[in-house]
Amino acid sequence: MPKGVPNKRYTGEFKQMVVETMQKEKLSYREAAREYEVADHKLVAKWERIYLEEGPEGLYIERRGRVSAVKKGRPPKLDKKVEEDLIDEVQRLRAENAYLKKLNALVTERVRQEKKHK
């Protein structure tokens, strides 16, 4: 899109009309976008997804900007105490893994040495 040309905004009624017509007449996204002069067929696909997931009223919601972490379904941040406990546990488990790896290497070396001397 050229500089200085604002993005076109479509009304909820327009989006609903496009999606319903597309479904009724079995149009592809590209055909619907061409018929209704929508800039990108991906926009029509997005409208249909919203229509199917949330119903027609979902098309009337303004959706600009980034989606917040809460809306994306990310879990909220943990308590400081819980986070510290988890970090401590991870450190303990890493130390335990390192110890077991060294122990395994020593045992393997001892078995190899015993086989060598027999």
PDB file of N, CA and C in Angstrom:
ATOM      1  N   MET A   1       0.849  -1.175   0.000  1.00  0.00           N
ATOM      2  CA  MET A   1       0.000   0.000   0.000  1.00  0.00           C
ATOM      3  C   MET A   1       0.895   1.239   0.000  1.00  0.00           C
ATOM      4  N   PRO A   2       0.616   2.215  -0.852  1.00  0.00           N
ATOM      5  CA  PRO A   2       1.449   3.419  -0.927  1.00  0.00           C
ATOM      6  C   PRO A   2       1.428   4.208   0.375  1.00  0.00           C
ATOM      7  N   LYS A   3       2.528   4.964   0.584  1.00  0.00           N
ATOM      8  CA  LYS A   3       2.602   5.792   1.786  1.00  0.00           C
ATOM      9  C   LYS A   3       1.497   6.835   1.779  1.00  0.00           C
ATOM     10  N   GLY A   4       0.964   7.112   2.964  1.00  0.00           N
ATOM     11  CA  GLY A   4      -0.042   8.147   3.092  1.00  0.00           C
ATOM     12  C   GLY A   4      -1.459   7.672   2.817  1.00  0.00           C
ATOM     13  N   VAL A   5      -1.624   6.432   2.339  1.00  0.00           N
ATOM     14  CA  VAL A   5      -2.966   5.908   2.086  1.00  0.00           C
ATOM     15  C   VAL A   5      -3.367   5.067   3.291  1.00  0.00           C
ATOM     16  N   PRO A   6      -4.406   5.477   4.024  1.00  0.00           N
ATOM     17  CA  PRO A   6      -4.792   4.728   5.216  1.00  0.00           C
ATOM     18  C   PRO A   6      -5.426   3.385   4.839  1.00  0.00           C
ATOM     19  N   ASN A   7      -5.315   2.420   5.744  1.00  0.00           N
ATOM     20  CA  ASN A   7      -5.970   1.136   5.540  1.00  0.00           C
ATOM     21  C   ASN A   7      -7.478   1.341   5.522  1.00  0.00           C
ATOM     22  N   LYS A   8      -8.141   0.622   4.650  1.00  0.00           N
ATOM     23  CA  LYS A   8      -9.593   0.744   4.558  1.00  0.00           C
ATOM     24  C   LYS A   8     -10.215  -0.026   5.709  1.00  0.00           C
ATOM     25  N   ARG A   9     -11.204   0.550   6.329  1.00  0.00           N
ATOM     26  CA  ARG A   9     -11.915  -0.107   7.428  1.00  0.00           C
ATOM     27  C   ARG A   9     -13.274  -0.539   6.917  1.00  0.00           C
ATOM     28  N   TYR A  10     -13.666  -1.731   7.289  1.00  0.00           N
ATOM     29  CA  TYR A  10     -14.945  -2.277   6.859  1.00  0.00           C
ATOM     30  C   TYR A  10     -15.882  -2.376   8.053  1.00  0.00           C
ATOM     31  N   THR A  11     -17.141  -2.096   7.842  1.00  0.00           N
ATOM     32  CA  THR A  11     -18.120  -2.160   8.926  1.00  0.00           C
ATOM     33  C   THR A  11     -18.484  -3.606   9.214  1.00  0.00           C
ATOM     34  N   GLY A  12     -19.058  -3.823  10.396  1.00  0.00           N
ATOM     35  CA  GLY A  12     -19.515  -5.154  10.768  1.00  0.00           C
ATOM     36  C   GLY A  12     -20.583  -5.673   9.817  1.00  0.00           C
ATOM     37  N   GLU A  13     -21.488  -4.763   9.399  1.00  0.00           N
ATOM     38  CA  GLU A  13     -22.560  -5.158   8.477  1.00  0.00           C
ATOM     39  C   GLU A  13     -21.967  -5.628   7.150  1.00  0.00           C
ATOM     40  N   PHE A  14     -20.954  -4.904   6.666  1.00  0.00           N
ATOM     41  CA  PHE A  14     -20.317  -5.261   5.395  1.00  0.00           C
ATOM     42  C   PHE A  14     -19.648  -6.629   5.500  1.00  0.00           C
ATOM     43  N   LYS A  15     -18.906  -6.841   6.582  1.00  0.00           N
ATOM     44  CA  LYS A  15     -18.214  -8.113   6.780  1.00  0.00           C
ATOM     45  C   LYS A  15     -19.223  -9.264   6.822  1.00  0.00           C
ATOM     46  N   GLN A  16     -20.300  -9.053   7.570  1.00  0.00           N
ATOM     47  CA  GLN A  16     -21.325 -10.088   7.682  1.00  0.00           C
ATOM     48  C   GLN A  16     -21.940 -10.386   6.315  1.00  0.00           C
ATOM     49  N   MET A  17     -22.224  -9.348   5.546  1.00  0.00           N
ATOM     50  CA  MET A  17     -22.808  -9.526   4.219  1.00  0.00           C
ATOM     51  C   MET A  17     -21.857 -10.323   3.319  1.00  0.00           C
ATOM     52  N   VAL A  18     -20.567  -9.993   3.364  1.00  0.00           N
ATOM     53  CA  VAL A  18     -19.581 -10.687   2.530  1.00  0.00           C
ATOM     54  C   VAL A  18     -19.531 -12.165   2.904  1.00  0.00           C
ATOM     55  N   VAL A  19     -19.431 -12.459   4.191  1.00  0.00           N
ATOM     56  CA  VAL A  19     -19.306 -13.850   4.643  1.00  0.00           C
ATOM     57  C   VAL A  19     -20.567 -14.644   4.310  1.00  0.00           C
ATOM     58  N   GLU A  20     -21.724 -14.077   4.595  1.00  0.00           N
ATOM     59  CA  GLU A  20     -22.977 -14.797   4.338  1.00  0.00           C
ATOM     60  C   GLU A  20     -23.203 -15.017   2.844  1.00  0.00           C
ATOM     61  N   THR A  21     -22.874 -14.016   2.037  1.00  0.00           N
ATOM     62  CA  THR A  21     -23.008 -14.171   0.582  1.00  0.00           C
ATOM     63  C   THR A  21     -22.033 -15.217   0.085  1.00  0.00           C
ATOM     64  N   MET A  22     -20.816 -15.181   0.608  1.00  0.00           N
ATOM     65  CA  MET A  22     -19.802 -16.146   0.201  1.00  0.00           C
ATOM     66  C   MET A  22     -20.261 -17.570   0.505  1.00  0.00           C
ATOM     67  N   GLN A  23     -20.846 -17.769   1.683  1.00  0.00           N
ATOM     68  CA  GLN A  23     -21.307 -19.100   2.056  1.00  0.00           C
ATOM     69  C   GLN A  23     -22.524 -19.521   1.230  1.00  0.00           C
ATOM     70  N   LYS A  24     -23.442 -18.577   1.028  1.00  0.00           N
ATOM     71  CA  LYS A  24     -24.671 -18.890   0.300  1.00  0.00           C
ATOM     72  C   LYS A  24     -24.378 -19.219  -1.167  1.00  0.00           C
ATOM     73  N   GLU A  25     -23.516 -18.443  -1.790  1.00  0.00           N
ATOM     74  CA  GLU A  25     -23.218 -18.622  -3.214  1.00  0.00           C
ATOM     75  C   GLU A  25     -21.999 -19.525  -3.442  1.00  0.00           C
ATOM     76  N   LYS A  26     -21.436 -20.062  -2.338  1.00  0.00           N
ATOM     77  CA  LYS A  26     -20.276 -20.963  -2.420  1.00  0.00           C
ATOM     78  C   LYS A  26     -19.103 -20.324  -3.174  1.00  0.00           C
ATOM     79  N   LEU A  27     -18.788 -19.082  -2.812  1.00  0.00           N
ATOM     80  CA  LEU A  27     -17.667 -18.362  -3.431  1.00  0.00           C
ATOM     81  C   LEU A  27     -16.379 -18.684  -2.674  1.00  0.00           C
ATOM     82  N   SER A  28     -15.277 -18.624  -3.380  1.00  0.00           N
ATOM     83  CA  SER A  28     -13.978 -18.769  -2.723  1.00  0.00           C
ATOM     84  C   SER A  28     -13.637 -17.430  -2.069  1.00  0.00           C
ATOM     85  N   TYR A  29     -12.576 -17.441  -1.245  1.00  0.00           N
ATOM     86  CA  TYR A  29     -12.156 -16.193  -0.608  1.00  0.00           C
ATOM     87  C   TYR A  29     -11.757 -15.164  -1.662  1.00  0.00           C
ATOM     88  N   ARG A  30     -11.031 -15.608  -2.659  1.00  0.00           N
ATOM     89  CA  ARG A  30     -10.577 -14.697  -3.712  1.00  0.00           C
ATOM     90  C   ARG A  30     -11.762 -14.114  -4.487  1.00  0.00           C
ATOM     91  N   GLU A  31     -12.732 -14.971  -4.812  1.00  0.00           N
ATOM     92  CA  GLU A  31     -13.902 -14.494  -5.564  1.00  0.00           C
ATOM     93  C   GLU A  31     -14.686 -13.467  -4.753  1.00  0.00           C
ATOM     94  N   ALA A  32     -14.871 -13.760  -3.472  1.00  0.00           N
ATOM     95  CA  ALA A  32     -15.607 -12.830  -2.609  1.00  0.00           C
ATOM     96  C   ALA A  32     -14.855 -11.508  -2.482  1.00  0.00           C
ATOM     97  N   ALA A  33     -13.530 -11.590  -2.316  1.00  0.00           N
ATOM     98  CA  ALA A  33     -12.730 -10.377  -2.192  1.00  0.00           C
ATOM     99  C   ALA A  33     -12.806  -9.552  -3.475  1.00  0.00           C
ATOM    100  N   ARG A  34     -12.768 -10.217  -4.606  1.00  0.00           N
ATOM    101  CA  ARG A  34     -12.839  -9.515  -5.894  1.00  0.00           C
ATOM    102  C   ARG A  34     -14.215  -8.880  -6.080  1.00  0.00           C
ATOM    103  N   GLU A  35     -15.278  -9.626  -5.761  1.00  0.00           N
ATOM    104  CA  GLU A  35     -16.642  -9.131  -5.961  1.00  0.00           C
ATOM    105  C   GLU A  35     -16.954  -7.919  -5.079  1.00  0.00           C
ATOM    106  N   TYR A  36     -16.461  -7.949  -3.839  1.00  0.00           N
ATOM    107  CA  TYR A  36     -16.759  -6.857  -2.907  1.00  0.00           C
ATOM    108  C   TYR A  36     -15.620  -5.854  -2.780  1.00  0.00           C
ATOM    109  N   GLU A  37     -14.610  -5.978  -3.627  1.00  0.00           N
ATOM    110  CA  GLU A  37     -13.476  -5.067  -3.660  1.00  0.00           C
ATOM    111  C   GLU A  37     -12.761  -4.955  -2.309  1.00  0.00           C
ATOM    112  N   VAL A  38     -12.525  -6.134  -1.706  1.00  0.00           N
ATOM    113  CA  VAL A  38     -11.747  -6.202  -0.478  1.00  0.00           C
ATOM    114  C   VAL A  38     -10.287  -6.373  -0.901  1.00  0.00           C
ATOM    115  N   ALA A  39      -9.394  -5.628  -0.273  1.00  0.00           N
ATOM    116  CA  ALA A  39      -7.997  -5.577  -0.703  1.00  0.00           C
ATOM    117  C   ALA A  39      -7.313  -6.944  -0.713  1.00  0.00           C
ATOM    118  N   ASP A  40      -7.591  -7.786   0.278  1.00  0.00           N
ATOM    119  CA  ASP A  40      -6.864  -9.058   0.389  1.00  0.00           C
ATOM    120  C   ASP A  40      -7.840 -10.184   0.723  1.00  0.00           C
ATOM    121  N   HIS A  41      -7.725 -11.301   0.009  1.00  0.00           N
ATOM    122  CA  HIS A  41      -8.621 -12.432   0.247  1.00  0.00           C
ATOM    123  C   HIS A  41      -8.406 -13.044   1.632  1.00  0.00           C
ATOM    124  N   LYS A  42      -7.218 -12.832   2.225  1.00  0.00           N
ATOM    125  CA  LYS A  42      -6.951 -13.362   3.564  1.00  0.00           C
ATOM    126  C   LYS A  42      -7.838 -12.683   4.604  1.00  0.00           C
ATOM    127  N   LEU A  43      -8.204 -11.461   4.322  1.00  0.00           N
ATOM    128  CA  LEU A  43      -9.096 -10.727   5.204  1.00  0.00           C
ATOM    129  C   LEU A  43     -10.471 -11.392   5.232  1.00  0.00           C
ATOM    130  N   VAL A  44     -10.938 -11.829   4.067  1.00  0.00           N
ATOM    131  CA  VAL A  44     -12.232 -12.507   3.984  1.00  0.00           C
ATOM    132  C   VAL A  44     -12.164 -13.832   4.748  1.00  0.00           C
ATOM    133  N   ALA A  45     -11.048 -14.542   4.627  1.00  0.00           N
ATOM    134  CA  ALA A  45     -10.877 -15.798   5.357  1.00  0.00           C
ATOM    135  C   ALA A  45     -10.918 -15.554   6.863  1.00  0.00           C
ATOM    136  N   LYS A  46     -10.296 -14.471   7.296  1.00  0.00           N
ATOM    137  CA  LYS A  46     -10.283 -14.110   8.718  1.00  0.00           C
ATOM    138  C   LYS A  46     -11.698 -13.796   9.196  1.00  0.00           C
ATOM    139  N   TRP A  47     -12.440 -13.052   8.376  1.00  0.00           N
ATOM    140  CA  TRP A  47     -13.819 -12.734   8.737  1.00  0.00           C
ATOM    141  C   TRP A  47     -14.653 -13.997   8.865  1.00  0.00           C
ATOM    142  N   GLU A  48     -14.457 -14.955   7.953  1.00  0.00           N
ATOM    143  CA  GLU A  48     -15.237 -16.189   8.017  1.00  0.00           C
ATOM    144  C   GLU A  48     -14.889 -16.976   9.281  1.00  0.00           C
ATOM    145  N   ARG A  49     -13.605 -17.029   9.627  1.00  0.00           N
ATOM    146  CA  ARG A  49     -13.197 -17.735  10.842  1.00  0.00           C
ATOM    147  C   ARG A  49     -13.860 -17.118  12.068  1.00  0.00           C
ATOM    148  N   ILE A  50     -13.834 -15.787  12.141  1.00  0.00           N
ATOM    149  CA  ILE A  50     -14.460 -15.090  13.269  1.00  0.00           C
ATOM    150  C   ILE A  50     -15.961 -15.363  13.283  1.00  0.00           C
ATOM    151  N   TYR A  51     -16.580 -15.318  12.113  1.00  0.00           N
ATOM    152  CA  TYR A  51     -18.022 -15.559  11.983  1.00  0.00           C
ATOM    153  C   TYR A  51     -18.375 -16.958  12.487  1.00  0.00           C
ATOM    154  N   LEU A  52     -17.575 -17.948  12.118  1.00  0.00           N
ATOM    155  CA  LEU A  52     -17.861 -19.327  12.512  1.00  0.00           C
ATOM    156  C   LEU A  52     -17.582 -19.565  13.997  1.00  0.00           C
ATOM    157  N   GLU A  53     -16.544 -18.930  14.531  1.00  0.00           N
ATOM    158  CA  GLU A  53     -16.181 -19.142  15.932  1.00  0.00           C
ATOM    159  C   GLU A  53     -17.036 -18.337  16.900  1.00  0.00           C
ATOM    160  N   GLU A  54     -17.355 -17.086  16.531  1.00  0.00           N
ATOM    161  CA  GLU A  54     -18.014 -16.180  17.474  1.00  0.00           C
ATOM    162  C   GLU A  54     -19.407 -15.762  17.043  1.00  0.00           C
ATOM    163  N   GLY A  55     -19.793 -16.113  15.828  1.00  0.00           N
ATOM    164  CA  GLY A  55     -21.090 -15.686  15.318  1.00  0.00           C
ATOM    165  C   GLY A  55     -20.981 -14.317  14.672  1.00  0.00           C
ATOM    166  N   PRO A  56     -22.085 -13.842  14.083  1.00  0.00           N
ATOM    167  CA  PRO A  56     -22.062 -12.561  13.369  1.00  0.00           C
ATOM    168  C   PRO A  56     -21.636 -11.385  14.249  1.00  0.00           C
ATOM    169  N   GLU A  57     -21.981 -11.441  15.541  1.00  0.00           N
ATOM    170  CA  GLU A  57     -21.635 -10.317  16.421  1.00  0.00           C
ATOM    171  C   GLU A  57     -20.131 -10.176  16.589  1.00  0.00           C
ATOM    172  N   GLY A  58     -19.365 -11.228  16.351  1.00  0.00           N
ATOM    173  CA  GLY A  58     -17.906 -11.158  16.436  1.00  0.00           C
ATOM    174  C   GLY A  58     -17.307 -10.242  15.381  1.00  0.00           C
ATOM    175  N   LEU A  59     -18.016 -10.054  14.273  1.00  0.00           N
ATOM    176  CA  LEU A  59     -17.519  -9.198  13.189  1.00  0.00           C
ATOM    177  C   LEU A  59     -17.651  -7.707  13.521  1.00  0.00           C
ATOM    178  N   TYR A  60     -18.414  -7.385  14.540  1.00  0.00           N
ATOM    179  CA  TYR A  60     -18.642  -5.985  14.897  1.00  0.00           C
ATOM    180  C   TYR A  60     -17.622  -5.484  15.924  1.00  0.00           C
ATOM    181  N   ILE A  61     -16.771  -6.374  16.417  1.00  0.00           N
ATOM    182  CA  ILE A  61     -15.766  -6.006  17.420  1.00  0.00           C
ATOM    183  C   ILE A  61     -14.543  -5.437  16.713  1.00  0.00           C
ATOM    184  N   GLU A  62     -14.053  -4.303  17.188  1.00  0.00           N
ATOM    185  CA  GLU A  62     -12.845  -3.679  16.631  1.00  0.00           C
ATOM    186  C   GLU A  62     -11.636  -4.480  17.099  1.00  0.00           C
ATOM    187  N   ARG A  63     -10.826  -4.958  16.155  1.00  0.00           N
ATOM    188  CA  ARG A  63      -9.673  -5.802  16.485  1.00  0.00           C
ATOM    189  C   ARG A  63      -8.415  -5.194  15.887  1.00  0.00           C
ATOM    190  N   ARG A  64      -7.893  -4.199  16.529  1.00  0.00           N
ATOM    191  CA  ARG A  64      -6.667  -3.575  16.026  1.00  0.00           C
ATOM    192  C   ARG A  64      -5.600  -3.693  17.083  1.00  0.00           C
ATOM    193  N   GLY A  65      -4.332  -3.711  16.654  1.00  0.00           N
ATOM    194  CA  GLY A  65      -3.212  -3.785  17.579  1.00  0.00           C
ATOM    195  C   GLY A  65      -2.901  -5.210  17.962  1.00  0.00           C
ATOM    196  N   ARG A  66      -1.964  -5.336  18.863  1.00  0.00           N
ATOM    197  CA  ARG A  66      -1.536  -6.656  19.308  1.00  0.00           C
ATOM    198  C   ARG A  66      -2.527  -7.232  20.309  1.00  0.00           C
ATOM    199  N   VAL A  67      -2.604  -8.553  20.321  1.00  0.00           N
ATOM    200  CA  VAL A  67      -3.441  -9.239  21.282  1.00  0.00           C
ATOM    201  C   VAL A  67      -2.639  -9.377  22.564  1.00  0.00           C
ATOM    202  N   SER A  68      -3.258  -9.051  23.695  1.00  0.00           N
ATOM    203  CA  SER A  68      -2.533  -9.136  24.965  1.00  0.00           C
ATOM    204  C   SER A  68      -2.283 -10.593  25.330  1.00  0.00           C
ATOM    205  N   ALA A  69      -1.332 -10.811  26.213  1.00  0.00           N
ATOM    206  CA  ALA A  69      -0.957 -12.160  26.634  1.00  0.00           C
ATOM    207  C   ALA A  69      -2.137 -12.884  27.266  1.00  0.00           C
ATOM    208  N   VAL A  70      -2.977 -12.148  27.984  1.00  0.00           N
ATOM    209  CA  VAL A  70      -4.136 -12.754  28.644  1.00  0.00           C
ATOM    210  C   VAL A  70      -5.110 -13.280  27.602  1.00  0.00           C
ATOM    211  N   LYS A  71      -5.345 -12.515  26.540  1.00  0.00           N
ATOM    212  CA  LYS A  71      -6.277 -12.931  25.502  1.00  0.00           C
ATOM    213  C   LYS A  71      -5.726 -14.093  24.682  1.00  0.00           C
ATOM    214  N   LYS A  72      -4.406 -14.188  24.562  1.00  0.00           N
ATOM    215  CA  LYS A  72      -3.800 -15.263  23.787  1.00  0.00           C
ATOM    216  C   LYS A  72      -3.899 -16.594  24.505  1.00  0.00           C
ATOM    217  N   GLY A  73      -4.231 -16.566  25.781  1.00  0.00           N
ATOM    218  CA  GLY A  73      -4.339 -17.808  26.520  1.00  0.00           C
ATOM    219  C   GLY A  73      -3.075 -18.183  27.273  1.00  0.00           C
ATOM    220  N   ARG A  74      -2.145 -17.268  27.356  1.00  0.00           N
ATOM    221  CA  ARG A  74      -0.943 -17.548  28.140  1.00  0.00           C
ATOM    222  C   ARG A  74      -1.315 -17.546  29.614  1.00  0.00           C
ATOM    223  N   PRO A  75      -0.668 -18.412  30.389  1.00  0.00           N
ATOM    224  CA  PRO A  75      -0.965 -18.395  31.824  1.00  0.00           C
ATOM    225  C   PRO A  75      -0.408 -17.120  32.461  1.00  0.00           C
ATOM    226  N   PRO A  76      -1.065 -16.636  33.477  1.00  0.00           N
ATOM    227  CA  PRO A  76      -0.562 -15.427  34.143  1.00  0.00           C
ATOM    228  C   PRO A  76       0.768 -15.717  34.828  1.00  0.00           C
ATOM    229  N   LYS A  77       1.522 -14.664  35.107  1.00  0.00           N
ATOM    230  CA  LYS A  77       2.821 -14.827  35.767  1.00  0.00           C
ATOM    231  C   LYS A  77       2.610 -15.445  37.146  1.00  0.00           C
ATOM    232  N   LEU A  78       3.625 -16.202  37.588  1.00  0.00           N
ATOM    233  CA  LEU A  78       3.555 -16.880  38.878  1.00  0.00           C
ATOM    234  C   LEU A  78       3.953 -15.945  40.010  1.00  0.00           C
ATOM    235  N   ASP A  79       3.569 -16.352  41.225  1.00  0.00           N
ATOM    236  CA  ASP A  79       4.026 -15.637  42.419  1.00  0.00           C
ATOM    237  C   ASP A  79       5.546 -15.660  42.450  1.00  0.00           C
ATOM    238  N   LYS A  80       6.124 -14.680  43.108  1.00  0.00           N
ATOM    239  CA  LYS A  80       7.583 -14.621  43.241  1.00  0.00           C
ATOM    240  C   LYS A  80       8.082 -15.865  43.984  1.00  0.00           C
ATOM    241  N   LYS A  81       7.381 -16.249  45.050  1.00  0.00           N
ATOM    242  CA  LYS A  81       7.794 -17.393  45.878  1.00  0.00           C
ATOM    243  C   LYS A  81       7.725 -18.690  45.067  1.00  0.00           C
ATOM    244  N   VAL A  82       6.640 -18.895  44.320  1.00  0.00           N
ATOM    245  CA  VAL A  82       6.472 -20.106  43.516  1.00  0.00           C
ATOM    246  C   VAL A  82       7.549 -20.160  42.435  1.00  0.00           C
ATOM    247  N   GLU A  83       7.810 -19.012  41.822  1.00  0.00           N
ATOM    248  CA  GLU A  83       8.833 -18.949  40.777  1.00  0.00           C
ATOM    249  C   GLU A  83      10.217 -19.294  41.351  1.00  0.00           C
ATOM    250  N   GLU A  84      10.530 -18.765  42.529  1.00  0.00           N
ATOM    251  CA  GLU A  84      11.814 -19.062  43.171  1.00  0.00           C
ATOM    252  C   GLU A  84      11.922 -20.539  43.515  1.00  0.00           C
ATOM    253  N   ASP A  85      10.829 -21.130  44.023  1.00  0.00           N
ATOM    254  CA  ASP A  85      10.829 -22.556  44.354  1.00  0.00           C
ATOM    255  C   ASP A  85      11.081 -23.403  43.104  1.00  0.00           C
ATOM    256  N   LEU A  86      10.448 -23.048  42.006  1.00  0.00           N
ATOM    257  CA  LEU A  86      10.630 -23.792  40.753  1.00  0.00           C
ATOM    258  C   LEU A  86      12.066 -23.673  40.245  1.00  0.00           C
ATOM    259  N   ILE A  87      12.628 -22.485  40.345  1.00  0.00           N
ATOM    260  CA  ILE A  87      14.022 -22.280  39.913  1.00  0.00           C
ATOM    261  C   ILE A  87      14.959 -23.110  40.780  1.00  0.00           C
ATOM    262  N   ASP A  88      14.707 -23.117  42.113  1.00  0.00           N
ATOM    263  CA  ASP A  88      15.538 -23.928  43.021  1.00  0.00           C
ATOM    264  C   ASP A  88      15.442 -25.408  42.662  1.00  0.00           C
ATOM    265  N   GLU A  89      14.229 -25.876  42.370  1.00  0.00           N
ATOM    266  CA  GLU A  89      14.046 -27.284  42.021  1.00  0.00           C
ATOM    267  C   GLU A  89      14.775 -27.633  40.722  1.00  0.00           C
ATOM    268  N   VAL A  90      14.708 -26.750  39.746  1.00  0.00           N
ATOM    269  CA  VAL A  90      15.408 -26.983  38.480  1.00  0.00           C
ATOM    270  C   VAL A  90      16.915 -27.074  38.727  1.00  0.00           C
ATOM    271  N   GLN A  91      17.440 -26.182  39.555  1.00  0.00           N
ATOM    272  CA  GLN A  91      18.872 -26.211  39.854  1.00  0.00           C
ATOM    273  C   GLN A  91      19.269 -27.509  40.564  1.00  0.00           C
ATOM    274  N   ARG A  92      18.443 -27.952  41.527  1.00  0.00           N
ATOM    275  CA  ARG A  92      18.705 -29.218  42.223  1.00  0.00           C
ATOM    276  C   ARG A  92      18.697 -30.391  41.244  1.00  0.00           C
ATOM    277  N   LEU A  93      17.720 -30.407  40.361  1.00  0.00           N
ATOM    278  CA  LEU A  93      17.618 -31.507  39.396  1.00  0.00           C
ATOM    279  C   LEU A  93      18.780 -31.502  38.415  1.00  0.00           C
ATOM    280  N   ARG A  94      19.232 -30.334  38.015  1.00  0.00           N
ATOM    281  CA  ARG A  94      20.397 -30.257  37.124  1.00  0.00           C
ATOM    282  C   ARG A  94      21.645 -30.773  37.818  1.00  0.00           C
ATOM    283  N   ALA A  95      21.807 -30.405  39.095  1.00  0.00           N
ATOM    284  CA  ALA A  95      22.963 -30.885  39.865  1.00  0.00           C
ATOM    285  C   ALA A  95      22.889 -32.409  40.013  1.00  0.00           C
ATOM    286  N   GLU A  96      21.694 -32.925  40.288  1.00  0.00           N
ATOM    287  CA  GLU A  96      21.512 -34.372  40.428  1.00  0.00           C
ATOM    288  C   GLU A  96      21.846 -35.083  39.113  1.00  0.00           C
ATOM    289  N   ASN A  97      21.398 -34.536  37.997  1.00  0.00           N
ATOM    290  CA  ASN A  97      21.715 -35.123  36.687  1.00  0.00           C
ATOM    291  C   ASN A  97      23.218 -35.129  36.440  1.00  0.00           C
ATOM    292  N   ALA A  98      23.881 -34.028  36.760  1.00  0.00           N
ATOM    293  CA  ALA A  98      25.324 -33.940  36.550  1.00  0.00           C
ATOM    294  C   ALA A  98      26.040 -34.985  37.413  1.00  0.00           C
ATOM    295  N   TYR A  99      25.604 -35.133  38.674  1.00  0.00           N
ATOM    296  CA  TYR A  99      26.197 -36.117  39.580  1.00  0.00           C
ATOM    297  C   TYR A  99      26.022 -37.532  39.033  1.00  0.00           C
ATOM    298  N   LEU A 100      24.803 -37.845  38.576  1.00  0.00           N
ATOM    299  CA  LEU A 100      24.530 -39.188  38.060  1.00  0.00           C
ATOM    300  C   LEU A 100      25.312 -39.474  36.783  1.00  0.00           C
ATOM    301  N   LYS A 101      25.493 -38.464  35.940  1.00  0.00           N
ATOM    302  CA  LYS A 101      26.293 -38.654  34.725  1.00  0.00           C
ATOM    303  C   LYS A 101      27.745 -38.970  35.075  1.00  0.00           C
ATOM    304  N   LYS A 102      28.295 -38.235  36.060  1.00  0.00           N
ATOM    305  CA  LYS A 102      29.676 -38.489  36.482  1.00  0.00           C
ATOM    306  C   LYS A 102      29.797 -39.879  37.104  1.00  0.00           C
ATOM    307  N   LEU A 103      28.823 -40.242  37.939  1.00  0.00           N
ATOM    308  CA  LEU A 103      28.830 -41.562  38.566  1.00  0.00           C
ATOM    309  C   LEU A 103      28.769 -42.656  37.500  1.00  0.00           C
ATOM    310  N   ASN A 104      27.915 -42.481  36.522  1.00  0.00           N
ATOM    311  CA  ASN A 104      27.788 -43.449  35.429  1.00  0.00           C
ATOM    312  C   ASN A 104      29.106 -43.565  34.662  1.00  0.00           C
ATOM    313  N   ALA A 105      29.746 -42.430  34.411  1.00  0.00           N
ATOM    314  CA  ALA A 105      31.032 -42.444  33.695  1.00  0.00           C
ATOM    315  C   ALA A 105      32.088 -43.180  34.509  1.00  0.00           C
ATOM    316  N   LEU A 106      32.118 -42.971  35.842  1.00  0.00           N
ATOM    317  CA  LEU A 106      33.088 -43.658  36.697  1.00  0.00           C
ATOM    318  C   LEU A 106      32.850 -45.168  36.720  1.00  0.00           C
ATOM    319  N   VAL A 107      31.584 -45.557  36.834  1.00  0.00           N
ATOM    320  CA  VAL A 107      31.257 -46.984  36.849  1.00  0.00           C
ATOM    321  C   VAL A 107      31.628 -47.614  35.514  1.00  0.00           C
ATOM    322  N   THR A 108      31.310 -46.955  34.432  1.00  0.00           N
ATOM    323  CA  THR A 108      31.637 -47.466  33.099  1.00  0.00           C
ATOM    324  C   THR A 108      33.146 -47.601  32.946  1.00  0.00           C
ATOM    325  N   GLU A 109      33.886 -46.623  33.423  1.00  0.00           N
ATOM    326  CA  GLU A 109      35.353 -46.657  33.347  1.00  0.00           C
ATOM    327  C   GLU A 109      35.894 -47.808  34.179  1.00  0.00           C
ATOM    328  N   ARG A 110      35.336 -48.019  35.383  1.00  0.00           N
ATOM    329  CA  ARG A 110      35.802 -49.107  36.249  1.00  0.00           C
ATOM    330  C   ARG A 110      35.536 -50.464  35.594  1.00  0.00           C
ATOM    331  N   VAL A 111      34.350 -50.638  34.998  1.00  0.00           N
ATOM    332  CA  VAL A 111      34.016 -51.888  34.316  1.00  0.00           C
ATOM    333  C   VAL A 111      34.972 -52.108  33.155  1.00  0.00           C
ATOM    334  N   ARG A 112      35.281 -51.076  32.428  1.00  0.00           N
ATOM    335  CA  ARG A 112      36.202 -51.172  31.292  1.00  0.00           C
ATOM    336  C   ARG A 112      37.611 -51.571  31.780  1.00  0.00           C
ATOM    337  N   GLN A 113      38.020 -50.985  32.890  1.00  0.00           N
ATOM    338  CA  GLN A 113      39.360 -51.292  33.455  1.00  0.00           C
ATOM    339  C   GLN A 113      39.421 -52.747  33.918  1.00  0.00           C
ATOM    340  N   GLU A 114      38.325 -53.219  34.569  1.00  0.00           N
ATOM    341  CA  GLU A 114      38.296 -54.604  35.061  1.00  0.00           C
ATOM    342  C   GLU A 114      38.348 -55.589  33.901  1.00  0.00           C
ATOM    343  N   LYS A 115      37.658 -55.286  32.809  1.00  0.00           N
ATOM    344  CA  LYS A 115      37.686 -56.152  31.637  1.00  0.00           C
ATOM    345  C   LYS A 115      39.083 -56.177  31.022  1.00  0.00           C
ATOM    346  N   LYS A 116      39.738 -55.049  31.086  1.00  0.00           N
ATOM    347  CA  LYS A 116      41.074 -54.921  30.508  1.00  0.00           C
ATOM    348  C   LYS A 116      42.081 -55.783  31.276  1.00  0.00           C
ATOM    349  N   HIS A 117      41.952 -55.872  32.621  1.00  0.00           N
ATOM    350  CA  HIS A 117      42.884 -56.594  33.469  1.00  0.00           C
ATOM    351  C   HIS A 117      42.597 -58.084  33.520  1.00  0.00           C
ATOM    352  N   LYS A 118      41.513 -58.538  33.018  1.00  0.00           N
ATOM    353  CA  LYS A 118      41.179 -59.971  33.047  1.00  0.00           C
ATOM    354  C   LYS A 118      41.782 -60.721  31.920  1.00  0.00           C
TER     355      LYS A 118
END
